[in-house]
Amino acid sequence: MVIKIALLVIFFASMVWIGVYAKKKVTNVDRFVLGGRAVGPWMTAFSYGTSYFSAVVFVGYAGQFGYKYGIATTWIGIGNAILGSLLAWVVLGRRTRVMTNRLGASTMPEYFGKRYDSKALRIAASGIAFVFMIPYTASVYNGLSKLFEMAFDIPYWVCVIVMAALTGVYVILGGYMATTISDFVQGIIMLFGIVAVIGAVLNTQGGFLHAVGQMAEIELTEGAGAGQPGVLTSFFGPDLPNLLGVVILTSLGTWGLPQMVHKFYAIKDEKSVQTGTIISTVFALVVSGGCYFLGGFGRLFDAPALHNADGSIVYDAIIPQMLSRLPDVLIGVVIVLVLSASMSTLSSLVLTSSSTLTLDLIKGNIVKQMDEKKQLLCMRIFLVFFIVLSVVLALNPPTFIAQLMGISWGALAGAFLAPFLYGLYAKRITKSAVWASFACGVGITVSNMFLKFIESPINAGAFAMIAGLVVVPVVSLFTPKPDRAKVEEIFECFEEEVKVKKKIALPKE
């Protein structure tokens, strides 16, 4: 217990120091929200990765889907690395940085408002972002609390309040720069921690080969793959369609999440984009691939504590059960690992939400004139408000971690992904198409919560994203074209000539 507490004290002290240090650099709104658009590749890539993966992945998703799909769950981590990181950086990175800088946009709602010349779109987007980030934040608290209860035997509400208070301190003090510095430190912990934990957990089962052999002997008695020997160690697992739904939601979803795309707004230069792409992909492959690979062995740790009275599985308890047999030092490492992942995600969520409400809803609408001092104060007040609100929800979570995250990701990415992506490349996209995407993403997710026409919230979220990608171009074909002159003026930013070194681009001979 002394070792575990000592590791936590060192971690907490480091985060507070980072907040105090970063506060000196926060001199205006641009620095508080975007770090002055001068953040390098390592910090941007680690910030992207640590915001991507939290306790939701490590405890909720890895436990639930590892139990359902076996070792094939590793495909989710591979999908996160290729589709959620590599392709996201390649397709969105450079163009997001160039266009948002040209538009002077600091948030995703502001991008919608200026790209599509609609104040109403900006306000609607800020409302959607605020409402649906709350369940995601609650899922982060919920996941972390399971590990704290296992390691320290302290009440859930204490875990939630301590984590919320600590995150609030360093984000309120240092804004975006504090989150990126802390994300870099937390990312290093996550990389080394996940490797150590995988090795230790598999060692408790006699090593990798012996563990795989044990998994191959398990025969499912119901559902997809029932009666098929070795299905939990097969290449695509027992239920490929639902596995693909998880891959789509957790990978493609990052393309439309405000707190993820926000990282591209702040990146420094071309070299940072190129280097960050590689770093982010490797990070995702190790951390996400490692989490899901570990979760794939969850059935080897089955115990009565994992079952409710009716026989159903408590998915959120699977990973804590796997880790409970580890030495105290490694449990301490795991706690710091998951705490790092969760706090980085939480800090991105609260910063994005508070800046969106202040810059897109309050400024110019409710308060007509706001100088930078008032904007900074307003954002910090909303940071506190958002943290308190998410704590209230986290203390009485309505469902499993994975379902909470599925609802949030489905609504946000379903509404925002298509108009954001198409807006970077296509000049013909209309305001009506953006409204249709907002209605489609939120409508599918919310209606499915009550009507259950798609059994899994995960698959509903994936369907909402794909629907948006179809709806936006179709609606654009049948609605009035945008003002050609304004659109051409926006897209001129991609035609501006810049001088670069030959190691970046070969000259024409």
Protein backbone atom coordinates (compact mmCIF):
# COMPACT_ATOMS: atom_id res chain seq x y z
CA MET A 1 0.00 0.00 0.00
CA VAL A 2 2.90 2.37 0.76
CA ILE A 3 4.32 1.82 -2.73
CA LYS A 4 0.98 2.43 -4.42
CA ILE A 5 0.31 5.60 -2.44
CA ALA A 6 3.85 6.89 -3.08
CA LEU A 7 3.43 6.46 -6.84
CA LEU A 8 0.12 8.33 -6.73
CA VAL A 9 1.56 11.21 -4.67
CA ILE A 10 4.44 11.64 -7.13
CA PHE A 11 2.02 11.58 -10.06
CA PHE A 12 -0.39 14.09 -8.48
CA ALA A 13 2.44 16.46 -7.54
CA SER A 14 3.81 16.32 -11.09
CA MET A 15 0.43 17.22 -12.61
CA VAL A 16 -0.01 20.22 -10.28
CA TRP A 17 3.52 21.44 -11.07
CA ILE A 18 2.78 21.21 -14.80
CA GLY A 19 -0.33 23.33 -14.32
CA VAL A 20 1.61 26.00 -12.41
CA TYR A 21 4.40 25.98 -15.01
CA ALA A 22 2.02 26.22 -17.98
CA LYS A 23 0.06 29.08 -16.39
CA LYS A 24 2.99 31.42 -17.06
CA LYS A 25 2.58 30.83 -20.81
CA VAL A 26 -1.18 31.50 -20.88
CA THR A 27 -1.29 35.17 -21.84
CA ASN A 28 -4.34 35.18 -24.13
CA VAL A 29 -7.27 33.09 -25.39
CA ASP A 30 -5.31 31.62 -28.30
CA ARG A 31 -2.66 30.26 -25.96
CA PHE A 32 -5.23 28.93 -23.50
CA VAL A 33 -7.24 27.10 -26.19
CA LEU A 34 -4.60 26.23 -28.83
CA GLY A 35 -1.19 26.74 -27.25
CA GLY A 36 -0.50 29.52 -29.76
CA ARG A 37 -0.75 27.01 -32.66
CA ALA A 38 2.89 26.14 -32.04
CA VAL A 39 2.79 22.67 -30.46
CA GLY A 40 5.44 20.23 -31.73
CA PRO A 41 4.98 16.68 -33.10
CA TRP A 42 5.76 14.64 -29.98
CA MET A 43 3.44 16.57 -27.71
CA THR A 44 0.67 16.70 -30.32
CA ALA A 45 0.94 12.98 -31.10
CA PHE A 46 1.03 11.94 -27.44
CA SER A 47 -1.82 14.33 -26.65
CA TYR A 48 -3.85 12.78 -29.49
CA GLY A 49 -3.13 9.25 -28.25
CA THR A 50 -3.70 9.85 -24.56
CA SER A 51 -6.95 11.69 -25.28
CA TYR A 52 -7.99 8.74 -27.47
CA PHE A 53 -7.40 5.97 -24.93
CA SER A 54 -8.67 6.16 -21.37
CA ALA A 55 -10.12 3.90 -18.68
CA VAL A 56 -13.04 3.44 -21.06
CA VAL A 57 -10.75 1.45 -23.35
CA PHE A 58 -8.61 -0.25 -20.74
CA VAL A 59 -11.38 -1.26 -18.31
CA GLY A 60 -14.65 -1.05 -20.23
CA TYR A 61 -14.00 -1.94 -23.85
CA ALA A 62 -11.04 -4.30 -23.39
CA GLY A 63 -12.93 -6.23 -20.70
CA GLN A 64 -16.28 -6.43 -22.45
CA PHE A 65 -15.15 -7.15 -26.00
CA GLY A 66 -12.25 -9.34 -24.94
CA TYR A 67 -14.74 -11.55 -23.10
CA LYS A 68 -17.06 -11.64 -26.13
CA TYR A 69 -14.62 -12.01 -29.01
CA GLY A 70 -11.47 -13.52 -27.48
CA ILE A 71 -8.05 -12.77 -28.93
CA ALA A 72 -9.64 -11.42 -32.14
CA THR A 73 -10.39 -8.32 -30.05
CA THR A 74 -6.84 -7.26 -30.94
CA TRP A 75 -8.25 -6.20 -34.34
CA ILE A 76 -9.93 -3.27 -32.57
CA GLY A 77 -6.52 -1.98 -31.48
CA ILE A 78 -5.10 -2.48 -34.96
CA GLY A 79 -8.08 -0.60 -36.42
CA ASN A 80 -7.52 2.23 -33.94
CA ALA A 81 -3.90 2.49 -35.06
CA ILE A 82 -4.53 2.37 -38.82
CA LEU A 83 -7.93 4.02 -39.25
CA GLY A 84 -8.18 6.06 -36.06
CA SER A 85 -4.61 7.37 -36.03
CA LEU A 86 -2.64 6.89 -39.27
CA LEU A 87 -5.42 7.73 -41.75
CA ALA A 88 -6.87 10.42 -39.49
CA TRP A 89 -3.54 12.25 -39.49
CA VAL A 90 -3.00 11.76 -43.22
CA VAL A 91 -6.50 12.81 -44.28
CA LEU A 92 -7.30 15.47 -41.68
CA GLY A 93 -4.04 16.71 -40.16
CA ARG A 94 -2.60 19.15 -42.68
CA ARG A 95 -5.86 20.38 -44.19
CA THR A 96 -7.41 20.97 -40.75
CA ARG A 97 -4.41 23.06 -39.66
CA VAL A 98 -4.44 25.12 -42.87
CA MET A 99 -8.20 25.75 -43.11
CA THR A 100 -8.85 26.47 -39.42
CA ASN A 101 -5.96 28.92 -39.43
CA ARG A 102 -7.40 30.64 -42.52
CA LEU A 103 -10.87 30.79 -40.95
CA GLY A 104 -9.53 31.84 -37.57
CA ALA A 105 -11.43 28.95 -35.98
CA SER A 106 -10.43 27.73 -32.51
CA THR A 107 -13.19 25.13 -32.02
CA MET A 108 -15.16 22.71 -34.18
CA PRO A 109 -18.44 24.68 -33.86
CA GLU A 110 -16.57 27.82 -34.92
CA TYR A 111 -15.26 25.91 -37.93
CA PHE A 112 -18.82 24.95 -38.92
CA GLY A 113 -20.03 28.51 -38.46
CA LYS A 114 -17.31 30.08 -40.60
CA ARG A 115 -16.90 27.30 -43.16
CA TYR A 116 -20.63 27.17 -43.94
CA ASP A 117 -21.33 30.84 -43.19
CA SER A 118 -23.98 30.09 -40.56
CA LYS A 119 -24.15 31.42 -37.02
CA ALA A 120 -27.03 29.02 -36.28
CA LEU A 121 -24.88 26.00 -37.19
CA ARG A 122 -22.18 27.21 -34.82
CA ILE A 123 -24.63 27.52 -31.93
CA ALA A 124 -26.26 24.14 -32.65
CA ALA A 125 -22.88 22.41 -32.85
CA SER A 126 -21.78 23.90 -29.52
CA GLY A 127 -24.97 22.60 -27.88
CA ILE A 128 -24.48 19.10 -29.29
CA ALA A 129 -20.82 19.05 -28.20
CA PHE A 130 -21.63 20.12 -24.65
CA VAL A 131 -24.55 17.73 -24.09
CA PHE A 132 -22.93 14.58 -25.47
CA MET A 133 -19.51 15.06 -23.93
CA ILE A 134 -21.04 14.63 -20.48
CA PRO A 135 -21.78 10.86 -20.74
CA TYR A 136 -18.30 10.29 -22.18
CA THR A 137 -16.75 12.09 -19.21
CA ALA A 138 -18.85 10.04 -16.80
CA SER A 139 -17.63 6.82 -18.41
CA VAL A 140 -14.02 7.92 -17.82
CA TYR A 141 -14.66 8.36 -14.08
CA ASN A 142 -16.55 5.09 -13.88
CA GLY A 143 -13.76 3.06 -15.43
CA LEU A 144 -11.06 4.49 -13.21
CA SER A 145 -13.06 3.94 -10.04
CA LYS A 146 -13.18 0.17 -10.63
CA LEU A 147 -9.40 -0.05 -10.43
CA PHE A 148 -9.18 2.26 -7.41
CA GLU A 149 -11.69 0.13 -5.54
CA MET A 150 -9.64 -2.99 -6.35
CA ALA A 151 -6.29 -1.47 -5.38
CA PHE A 152 -7.15 0.73 -2.41
CA ASP A 153 -10.57 -0.47 -1.24
CA ILE A 154 -11.90 3.10 -1.08
CA PRO A 155 -15.41 4.27 -2.04
CA TYR A 156 -16.27 5.06 -5.62
CA TRP A 157 -17.33 8.65 -4.86
CA VAL A 158 -13.93 9.45 -3.34
CA CYS A 159 -12.18 8.30 -6.54
CA VAL A 160 -14.44 10.45 -8.68
CA ILE A 161 -14.05 13.63 -6.64
CA VAL A 162 -10.26 13.35 -6.26
CA MET A 163 -9.74 12.77 -9.96
CA ALA A 164 -12.08 15.62 -10.91
CA ALA A 165 -10.39 18.06 -8.53
CA LEU A 166 -6.88 17.23 -9.69
CA THR A 167 -7.78 17.48 -13.37
CA GLY A 168 -9.56 20.76 -12.77
CA VAL A 169 -6.50 22.29 -11.07
CA TYR A 170 -3.99 21.82 -13.87
CA VAL A 171 -6.40 22.49 -16.75
CA ILE A 172 -7.79 25.66 -15.17
CA LEU A 173 -4.28 26.93 -14.52
CA GLY A 174 -2.53 26.09 -17.78
CA GLY A 175 -5.18 25.37 -20.43
CA TYR A 176 -4.13 23.55 -23.60
CA MET A 177 -0.40 23.81 -22.91
CA ALA A 178 -0.84 22.17 -19.51
CA THR A 179 -2.80 19.32 -21.08
CA THR A 180 -0.20 18.71 -23.80
CA ILE A 181 2.74 18.67 -21.38
CA SER A 182 0.90 16.37 -18.99
CA ASP A 183 -0.25 14.20 -21.90
CA PHE A 184 3.37 13.71 -22.95
CA VAL A 185 4.35 12.54 -19.47
CA GLN A 186 1.24 10.40 -19.19
CA GLY A 187 1.86 8.89 -22.63
CA ILE A 188 5.31 7.67 -21.63
CA ILE A 189 3.79 6.02 -18.55
CA MET A 190 1.13 4.35 -20.70
CA LEU A 191 3.63 2.97 -23.24
CA PHE A 192 5.90 1.31 -20.70
CA GLY A 193 3.07 0.39 -18.34
CA ILE A 194 0.97 -1.57 -20.83
CA VAL A 195 3.96 -3.67 -21.94
CA ALA A 196 4.85 -4.53 -18.34
CA VAL A 197 1.26 -5.37 -17.43
CA ILE A 198 0.71 -7.67 -20.43
CA GLY A 199 3.85 -9.63 -19.60
CA ALA A 200 2.94 -9.93 -15.92
CA VAL A 201 -0.69 -10.97 -16.52
CA LEU A 202 0.19 -13.64 -19.09
CA ASN A 203 2.91 -14.92 -16.76
CA THR A 204 0.22 -15.71 -14.18
CA GLN A 205 -1.25 -18.11 -16.77
CA GLY A 206 2.01 -19.86 -17.59
CA GLY A 207 3.07 -17.60 -20.44
CA PHE A 208 1.63 -16.63 -23.83
CA LEU A 209 1.52 -20.08 -25.48
CA HIS A 210 -0.02 -21.75 -22.47
CA ALA A 211 -2.62 -19.00 -22.16
CA VAL A 212 -3.56 -19.35 -25.84
CA GLY A 213 -3.86 -23.10 -25.35
CA GLN A 214 -6.25 -22.59 -22.45
CA MET A 215 -8.33 -20.12 -24.49
CA ALA A 216 -8.58 -22.65 -27.34
CA GLU A 217 -10.15 -25.18 -24.99
CA ILE A 218 -12.99 -22.85 -24.00
CA GLU A 219 -16.23 -23.62 -25.87
CA LEU A 220 -19.03 -21.06 -26.02
CA THR A 221 -22.42 -22.40 -24.99
CA GLU A 222 -24.62 -19.64 -26.43
CA GLY A 223 -24.65 -16.82 -28.95
CA ALA A 224 -22.42 -16.48 -32.02
CA GLY A 225 -19.77 -19.19 -32.23
CA ALA A 226 -21.56 -21.53 -29.82
CA GLY A 227 -20.33 -25.11 -30.08
CA GLN A 228 -17.27 -24.23 -32.18
CA PRO A 229 -14.02 -25.40 -30.51
CA GLY A 230 -11.23 -22.83 -30.43
CA VAL A 231 -13.44 -20.00 -31.67
CA LEU A 232 -12.02 -17.57 -29.08
CA THR A 233 -8.54 -17.98 -30.60
CA SER A 234 -9.68 -17.86 -34.24
CA PHE A 235 -8.54 -15.11 -36.62
CA PHE A 236 -11.80 -13.11 -36.62
CA GLY A 237 -13.41 -14.48 -33.45
CA PRO A 238 -16.97 -15.72 -32.95
CA ASP A 239 -18.90 -12.61 -34.10
CA LEU A 240 -17.22 -10.70 -36.95
CA PRO A 241 -20.14 -8.32 -37.80
CA ASN A 242 -20.35 -6.92 -34.26
CA LEU A 243 -16.56 -6.83 -34.01
CA LEU A 244 -16.47 -4.66 -37.14
CA GLY A 245 -19.06 -2.34 -35.56
CA VAL A 246 -16.73 -1.74 -32.62
CA VAL A 247 -13.76 -1.15 -34.96
CA ILE A 248 -15.74 1.45 -36.94
CA LEU A 249 -17.04 3.30 -33.88
CA THR A 250 -13.74 3.42 -32.00
CA SER A 251 -11.59 4.17 -35.08
CA LEU A 252 -13.61 6.29 -37.48
CA GLY A 253 -15.29 8.04 -34.57
CA THR A 254 -12.13 10.00 -33.73
CA TRP A 255 -12.46 11.85 -37.05
CA GLY A 256 -15.56 13.65 -35.79
CA LEU A 257 -14.82 14.15 -32.08
CA PRO A 258 -14.13 17.81 -31.22
CA GLN A 259 -11.50 17.04 -28.59
CA MET A 260 -9.54 14.84 -31.03
CA VAL A 261 -9.67 17.00 -34.15
CA HIS A 262 -8.75 19.97 -31.95
CA LYS A 263 -5.17 18.61 -31.78
CA PHE A 264 -4.69 19.36 -35.49
CA TYR A 265 -5.67 23.01 -35.00
CA ALA A 266 -2.66 23.58 -32.76
CA ILE A 267 0.13 21.65 -34.51
CA LYS A 268 3.18 23.72 -35.42
CA ASP A 269 4.28 22.98 -39.00
CA GLU A 270 4.59 20.46 -41.85
CA LYS A 271 7.41 18.51 -40.25
CA SER A 272 5.36 18.22 -37.08
CA VAL A 273 2.47 16.72 -39.08
CA GLN A 274 4.73 14.14 -40.74
CA THR A 275 6.54 13.15 -37.56
CA GLY A 276 3.35 13.22 -35.49
CA THR A 277 1.65 10.82 -37.90
CA ILE A 278 4.28 8.14 -37.28
CA ILE A 279 4.44 8.69 -33.51
CA SER A 280 0.67 8.65 -33.12
CA THR A 281 0.30 5.43 -35.11
CA VAL A 282 2.97 3.58 -33.13
CA PHE A 283 1.50 4.87 -29.87
CA ALA A 284 -1.97 3.60 -30.79
CA LEU A 285 -0.63 0.23 -31.91
CA VAL A 286 1.18 -0.34 -28.60
CA VAL A 287 -1.40 1.10 -26.19
CA SER A 288 -4.72 0.24 -27.85
CA GLY A 289 -3.45 -3.00 -29.40
CA GLY A 290 -1.98 -3.97 -26.05
CA CYS A 291 -5.18 -3.19 -24.11
CA TYR A 292 -7.43 -5.22 -26.40
CA PHE A 293 -4.89 -8.05 -26.68
CA LEU A 294 -4.82 -8.28 -22.89
CA GLY A 295 -8.62 -8.16 -22.69
CA GLY A 296 -8.81 -11.09 -25.11
CA PHE A 297 -7.65 -13.41 -22.31
CA GLY A 298 -10.40 -12.26 -19.92
CA ARG A 299 -12.22 -15.62 -19.82
CA LEU A 300 -9.18 -17.24 -18.19
CA PHE A 301 -9.87 -15.15 -15.10
CA ASP A 302 -13.57 -15.95 -14.75
CA ALA A 303 -14.75 -15.94 -11.13
CA PRO A 304 -18.03 -15.70 -9.19
CA ALA A 305 -17.32 -12.01 -8.53
CA LEU A 306 -17.75 -11.34 -12.26
CA HIS A 307 -21.36 -12.54 -12.32
CA ASN A 308 -24.56 -10.86 -11.18
CA ALA A 309 -27.25 -12.79 -9.35
CA ASP A 310 -29.03 -13.46 -12.64
CA GLY A 311 -25.86 -14.92 -14.17
CA SER A 312 -25.03 -11.92 -16.38
CA ILE A 313 -21.43 -10.74 -16.63
CA VAL A 314 -20.13 -7.60 -14.89
CA TYR A 315 -17.91 -6.58 -17.81
CA ASP A 316 -16.36 -3.61 -16.00
CA ALA A 317 -14.94 -5.95 -13.34
CA ILE A 318 -13.05 -8.25 -15.76
CA ILE A 319 -9.83 -6.24 -16.12
CA PRO A 320 -9.61 -5.43 -12.36
CA GLN A 321 -10.04 -9.17 -11.72
CA MET A 322 -7.15 -9.91 -14.11
CA LEU A 323 -4.92 -7.39 -12.36
CA SER A 324 -5.80 -8.31 -8.77
CA ARG A 325 -3.23 -11.13 -8.74
CA LEU A 326 -0.29 -8.89 -9.65
CA PRO A 327 2.38 -7.73 -7.15
CA ASP A 328 1.75 -4.39 -5.41
CA VAL A 329 4.41 -2.59 -7.46
CA LEU A 330 2.74 -3.57 -10.74
CA ILE A 331 -0.71 -2.71 -9.42
CA GLY A 332 0.68 0.71 -8.58
CA VAL A 333 2.00 1.00 -12.14
CA VAL A 334 -1.42 0.00 -13.50
CA ILE A 335 -3.19 2.60 -11.36
CA VAL A 336 -0.86 5.35 -12.59
CA LEU A 337 -1.19 4.04 -16.16
CA VAL A 338 -4.98 4.16 -16.19
CA LEU A 339 -5.03 7.38 -14.18
CA SER A 340 -2.76 8.93 -16.83
CA ALA A 341 -4.98 7.77 -19.68
CA SER A 342 -8.16 8.88 -17.95
CA MET A 343 -6.99 12.30 -16.82
CA SER A 344 -5.62 13.17 -20.27
CA THR A 345 -8.97 12.28 -21.84
CA LEU A 346 -10.89 14.13 -19.15
CA SER A 347 -8.74 17.26 -19.50
CA SER A 348 -9.32 17.33 -23.27
CA LEU A 349 -13.06 16.92 -22.82
CA VAL A 350 -13.51 19.67 -20.23
CA LEU A 351 -11.23 22.09 -22.08
CA THR A 352 -13.03 21.51 -25.38
CA SER A 353 -16.45 21.85 -23.77
CA SER A 354 -15.67 25.05 -21.84
CA SER A 355 -13.98 26.75 -24.81
CA THR A 356 -16.86 25.77 -27.09
CA LEU A 357 -19.50 27.21 -24.75
CA THR A 358 -17.56 30.41 -24.20
CA LEU A 359 -16.40 31.15 -27.74
CA ASP A 360 -19.34 29.74 -29.70
CA LEU A 361 -22.36 30.31 -27.47
CA ILE A 362 -21.68 33.04 -24.90
CA LYS A 363 -19.38 35.38 -26.87
CA GLY A 364 -21.27 37.50 -29.39
CA ASN A 365 -24.65 35.95 -28.56
CA ILE A 366 -25.41 36.26 -24.86
CA VAL A 367 -22.56 38.69 -24.12
CA LYS A 368 -21.99 40.94 -27.13
CA GLN A 369 -18.65 42.36 -26.02
CA MET A 370 -16.10 40.09 -24.31
CA ASP A 371 -12.43 41.06 -24.02
CA GLU A 372 -9.80 38.33 -23.66
CA LYS A 373 -9.68 38.63 -19.87
CA LYS A 374 -13.42 37.97 -19.62
CA GLN A 375 -13.20 35.09 -22.10
CA LEU A 376 -10.48 33.39 -20.06
CA LEU A 377 -12.48 33.86 -16.86
CA CYS A 378 -15.62 32.51 -18.51
CA MET A 379 -13.79 29.42 -19.81
CA ARG A 380 -12.37 28.68 -16.39
CA ILE A 381 -15.81 29.03 -14.78
CA PHE A 382 -17.28 26.64 -17.35
CA LEU A 383 -14.41 24.21 -16.71
CA VAL A 384 -15.54 24.00 -13.09
CA PHE A 385 -19.21 23.74 -14.11
CA PHE A 386 -18.55 20.95 -16.59
CA ILE A 387 -16.45 18.97 -14.12
CA VAL A 388 -19.11 19.26 -11.41
CA LEU A 389 -21.88 18.26 -13.81
CA SER A 390 -19.97 15.22 -15.05
CA VAL A 391 -19.21 14.19 -11.45
CA VAL A 392 -22.93 14.27 -10.62
CA LEU A 393 -23.65 11.98 -13.57
CA ALA A 394 -20.67 9.73 -12.77
CA LEU A 395 -21.92 9.18 -9.22
CA ASN A 396 -25.07 7.61 -10.63
CA PRO A 397 -24.03 6.12 -13.99
CA PRO A 398 -26.98 4.68 -15.95
CA THR A 399 -25.25 1.77 -17.69
CA PHE A 400 -21.99 0.01 -18.54
CA ILE A 401 -18.91 2.03 -19.49
CA ALA A 402 -18.97 0.85 -23.10
CA GLN A 403 -22.61 1.88 -23.54
CA LEU A 404 -21.97 5.34 -22.10
CA MET A 405 -19.10 5.90 -24.49
CA GLY A 406 -21.05 4.45 -27.42
CA ILE A 407 -23.88 6.96 -26.88
CA SER A 408 -21.47 9.88 -26.70
CA TRP A 409 -19.25 8.88 -29.63
CA GLY A 410 -22.23 7.91 -31.78
CA ALA A 411 -23.97 11.28 -31.38
CA LEU A 412 -20.86 13.46 -31.68
CA ALA A 413 -19.13 11.65 -34.53
CA GLY A 414 -22.44 10.87 -36.25
CA ALA A 415 -23.30 14.58 -36.30
CA PHE A 416 -19.88 16.11 -36.96
CA LEU A 417 -17.73 13.65 -38.91
CA ALA A 418 -19.26 14.00 -42.38
CA PRO A 419 -19.64 17.81 -42.56
CA PHE A 420 -16.18 18.31 -41.05
CA LEU A 421 -14.44 15.89 -43.42
CA TYR A 422 -16.32 16.93 -46.57
CA GLY A 423 -15.89 20.58 -45.62
CA LEU A 424 -12.11 20.23 -45.87
CA TYR A 425 -12.20 18.78 -49.40
CA ALA A 426 -15.51 19.55 -51.16
CA LYS A 427 -16.75 23.00 -52.17
CA ARG A 428 -20.30 21.90 -52.97
CA ILE A 429 -21.42 20.92 -49.42
CA THR A 430 -24.44 22.96 -48.31
CA LYS A 431 -25.80 24.26 -45.00
CA SER A 432 -28.84 22.02 -45.35
CA ALA A 433 -26.57 18.98 -45.64
CA VAL A 434 -24.82 19.94 -42.40
CA TRP A 435 -28.18 20.32 -40.62
CA ALA A 436 -29.18 16.92 -41.98
CA SER A 437 -26.00 15.38 -40.59
CA PHE A 438 -26.61 16.94 -37.16
CA ALA A 439 -30.17 15.60 -37.16
CA CYS A 440 -29.06 12.18 -38.39
CA GLY A 441 -26.27 11.68 -35.83
CA VAL A 442 -28.22 12.90 -32.81
CA GLY A 443 -31.54 11.45 -34.01
CA ILE A 444 -30.26 7.92 -34.57
CA THR A 445 -28.36 7.82 -31.27
CA VAL A 446 -31.09 9.31 -29.07
CA SER A 447 -34.00 7.42 -30.66
CA ASN A 448 -32.09 4.15 -30.34
CA MET A 449 -31.69 4.76 -26.59
CA PHE A 450 -35.48 4.45 -26.26
CA LEU A 451 -36.65 2.34 -29.21
CA LYS A 452 -33.71 -0.11 -29.32
CA PHE A 453 -34.07 -0.73 -33.06
CA ILE A 454 -30.33 -1.50 -33.04
CA GLU A 455 -29.57 -3.71 -30.06
CA SER A 456 -26.04 -2.46 -29.42
CA PRO A 457 -25.35 1.28 -28.80
CA ILE A 458 -21.93 0.59 -30.31
CA ASN A 459 -23.42 -0.54 -33.63
CA ALA A 460 -25.93 2.32 -33.48
CA GLY A 461 -23.06 4.78 -33.21
CA ALA A 462 -21.23 3.18 -36.12
CA PHE A 463 -24.42 3.29 -38.19
CA ALA A 464 -24.91 6.99 -37.36
CA MET A 465 -21.43 7.83 -38.65
CA ILE A 466 -21.84 5.89 -41.89
CA ALA A 467 -25.31 7.38 -42.39
CA GLY A 468 -23.85 10.88 -42.10
CA LEU A 469 -21.22 10.13 -44.74
CA VAL A 470 -24.04 9.17 -47.14
CA VAL A 471 -26.58 11.84 -46.18
CA VAL A 472 -24.31 14.90 -46.54
CA PRO A 473 -23.36 14.51 -50.24
CA VAL A 474 -26.88 13.36 -51.18
CA VAL A 475 -28.60 16.33 -49.50
CA SER A 476 -26.00 18.69 -51.02
CA LEU A 477 -27.04 17.56 -54.52
CA PHE A 478 -30.66 18.63 -53.97
CA THR A 479 -30.25 21.85 -51.97
CA PRO A 480 -29.14 25.36 -53.05
CA LYS A 481 -25.42 25.73 -53.70
CA PRO A 482 -23.32 27.78 -51.29
CA ASP A 483 -22.01 31.21 -52.29
CA ARG A 484 -19.30 30.37 -54.83
CA ALA A 485 -17.18 33.45 -54.15
CA LYS A 486 -17.08 32.83 -50.39
CA VAL A 487 -16.19 29.15 -50.82
CA GLU A 488 -13.44 29.93 -53.33
CA GLU A 489 -12.00 32.49 -50.93
CA ILE A 490 -11.85 29.85 -48.18
CA PHE A 491 -10.21 27.23 -50.38
CA GLU A 492 -7.56 29.67 -51.63
CA CYS A 493 -5.60 28.78 -48.48
CA PHE A 494 -4.65 25.45 -50.08
CA GLU A 495 -3.28 27.15 -53.21
CA GLU A 496 -0.90 29.52 -51.46
CA GLU A 497 2.74 28.83 -52.32
CA VAL A 498 5.31 28.22 -49.60
CA LYS A 499 9.03 27.52 -49.70
CA VAL A 500 10.22 24.27 -48.17
CA LYS A 501 13.52 22.41 -47.95
CA LYS A 502 14.30 19.69 -50.50
CA LYS A 503 14.19 17.02 -47.79
CA ILE A 504 10.46 17.72 -47.52
CA ALA A 505 9.55 18.20 -51.23
CA LEU A 506 11.55 17.59 -54.43
CA PRO A 507 11.67 20.54 -56.84
CA LYS A 508 10.57 20.39 -60.45
CA GLU A 509 13.64 20.16 -62.74
